[in-house]
Amino acid sequence: MDGPCASSSGVTLRSHIMAAKAVANTLKTSIGPNGLDKMMVDKDGEVTVTNDGATILSMMDVDHQIAKLMVELSKSQDDEIGDGTTGVVGESLYQGQKLHRA
């Protein structure tokens, strides 16, 4: 595919990937044996310190539609299963990259 649509779709795809990676990178340092807590401050100034992916994502204020989709996906994962929110975000990004390369 050539022309302006190809260029525009490439820019859009890169924007989506960057937004998804930003969400995943926010969570990445909170998992594993060396995972770190995140200090979150809400709009009222209340401080929450946690390494729980669902809590971190629920407190994030995101504008990008793909980032919002990933936050909603993680909320659904937490509601249905109760765990694995960090994994579902990371795996979604991994699978999306595989599809893009195909």
Protein backbone atom coordinates (compact mmCIF):
# COMPACT_ATOMS: atom_id res chain seq x y z
CA MET A 1 0.00 0.00 0.00
CA ASP A 2 1.48 3.33 -1.07
CA GLY A 3 0.40 6.93 -0.80
CA PRO A 4 -0.86 9.11 2.03
CA CYS A 5 -3.01 6.38 3.60
CA ALA A 6 0.01 4.11 4.07
CA SER A 7 1.99 6.90 5.71
CA SER A 8 -0.92 7.92 7.91
CA SER A 9 -1.65 4.35 9.00
CA GLY A 10 2.05 3.85 9.84
CA VAL A 11 2.05 6.96 12.03
CA THR A 12 -1.16 5.82 13.71
CA LEU A 13 0.22 2.35 14.33
CA ARG A 14 3.41 3.76 15.85
CA SER A 15 1.31 6.03 18.07
CA HIS A 16 -0.75 3.06 19.27
CA ILE A 17 2.35 0.97 19.95
CA MET A 18 4.02 3.80 21.87
CA ALA A 19 0.91 4.30 24.03
CA ALA A 20 0.68 0.57 24.75
CA LYS A 21 4.38 0.40 25.62
CA ALA A 22 4.02 3.37 27.97
CA VAL A 23 1.30 1.52 29.89
CA ALA A 24 3.31 -1.72 29.93
CA ASN A 25 6.51 0.07 31.01
CA THR A 26 4.68 1.73 33.88
CA LEU A 27 3.78 -1.71 35.20
CA LYS A 28 6.98 -3.55 34.28
CA THR A 29 9.01 -2.31 37.24
CA SER A 30 6.33 -3.37 39.73
CA ILE A 31 6.46 -7.11 39.00
CA GLY A 32 8.79 -9.92 40.00
CA PRO A 33 10.97 -10.49 43.04
CA ASN A 34 12.65 -7.11 42.58
CA GLY A 35 9.40 -5.30 41.81
CA LEU A 36 9.10 -1.78 43.13
CA ASP A 37 6.11 -0.03 44.66
CA LYS A 38 4.61 2.93 42.84
CA MET A 39 3.51 6.05 44.67
CA MET A 40 0.31 7.35 43.13
CA VAL A 41 -1.31 10.67 44.00
CA ASP A 42 -4.97 11.16 43.07
CA LYS A 43 -6.66 14.43 42.13
CA ASP A 44 -7.52 15.07 45.80
CA GLY A 45 -3.90 14.65 46.87
CA GLU A 46 -4.44 11.24 48.49
CA VAL A 47 -1.32 9.08 48.26
CA THR A 48 -1.42 5.35 47.50
CA VAL A 49 1.70 3.17 47.54
CA THR A 50 1.25 -0.15 45.76
CA ASN A 51 2.74 -2.70 43.40
CA ASP A 52 -0.68 -4.04 42.37
CA GLY A 53 -1.16 -3.64 38.62
CA ALA A 54 -4.93 -3.17 38.86
CA THR A 55 -4.57 -0.39 41.42
CA ILE A 56 -1.85 1.34 39.43
CA LEU A 57 -3.86 1.22 36.22
CA SER A 58 -7.10 2.30 37.88
CA MET A 59 -5.37 5.42 39.19
CA MET A 60 -3.73 6.34 35.88
CA ASP A 61 -5.21 9.23 33.93
CA VAL A 62 -4.78 8.29 30.27
CA ASP A 63 -5.94 10.15 27.18
CA HIS A 64 -4.83 7.87 24.35
CA GLN A 65 -7.56 5.49 23.18
CA ILE A 66 -5.28 2.43 23.05
CA ALA A 67 -3.98 3.16 26.55
CA LYS A 68 -7.59 3.50 27.75
CA LEU A 69 -8.40 0.16 26.10
CA MET A 70 -5.51 -1.50 27.91
CA VAL A 71 -6.61 -0.02 31.24
CA GLU A 72 -10.16 -1.30 30.67
CA LEU A 73 -8.82 -4.72 29.66
CA SER A 74 -6.84 -4.94 32.88
CA LYS A 75 -9.88 -3.87 34.93
CA SER A 76 -11.91 -6.65 33.32
CA GLN A 77 -9.13 -9.14 34.05
CA ASP A 78 -9.06 -8.05 37.69
CA ASP A 79 -12.87 -8.18 38.01
CA GLU A 80 -13.15 -11.64 36.43
CA ILE A 81 -10.01 -13.36 37.71
CA GLY A 82 -8.71 -11.13 40.50
CA ASP A 83 -5.11 -11.18 39.33
CA GLY A 84 -2.92 -11.06 36.25
CA THR A 85 -3.57 -7.48 35.18
CA THR A 86 0.10 -6.81 34.52
CA GLY A 87 0.43 -10.00 32.52
CA VAL A 88 -2.60 -9.35 30.36
CA VAL A 89 -1.29 -5.91 29.40
CA GLY A 90 2.16 -7.24 28.57
CA GLU A 91 0.85 -10.24 26.65
CA SER A 92 -1.54 -8.05 24.65
CA LEU A 93 1.38 -5.88 23.59
CA TYR A 94 3.50 -8.92 22.72
CA GLN A 95 0.73 -10.49 20.61
CA GLY A 96 0.05 -7.19 18.86
CA GLN A 97 3.70 -6.88 17.88
CA LYS A 98 3.68 -10.45 16.52
CA LEU A 99 0.63 -9.67 14.39
CA HIS A 100 2.22 -6.49 13.08
CA ARG A 101 5.33 -8.38 11.97
CA ALA A 102 3.26 -11.05 10.16
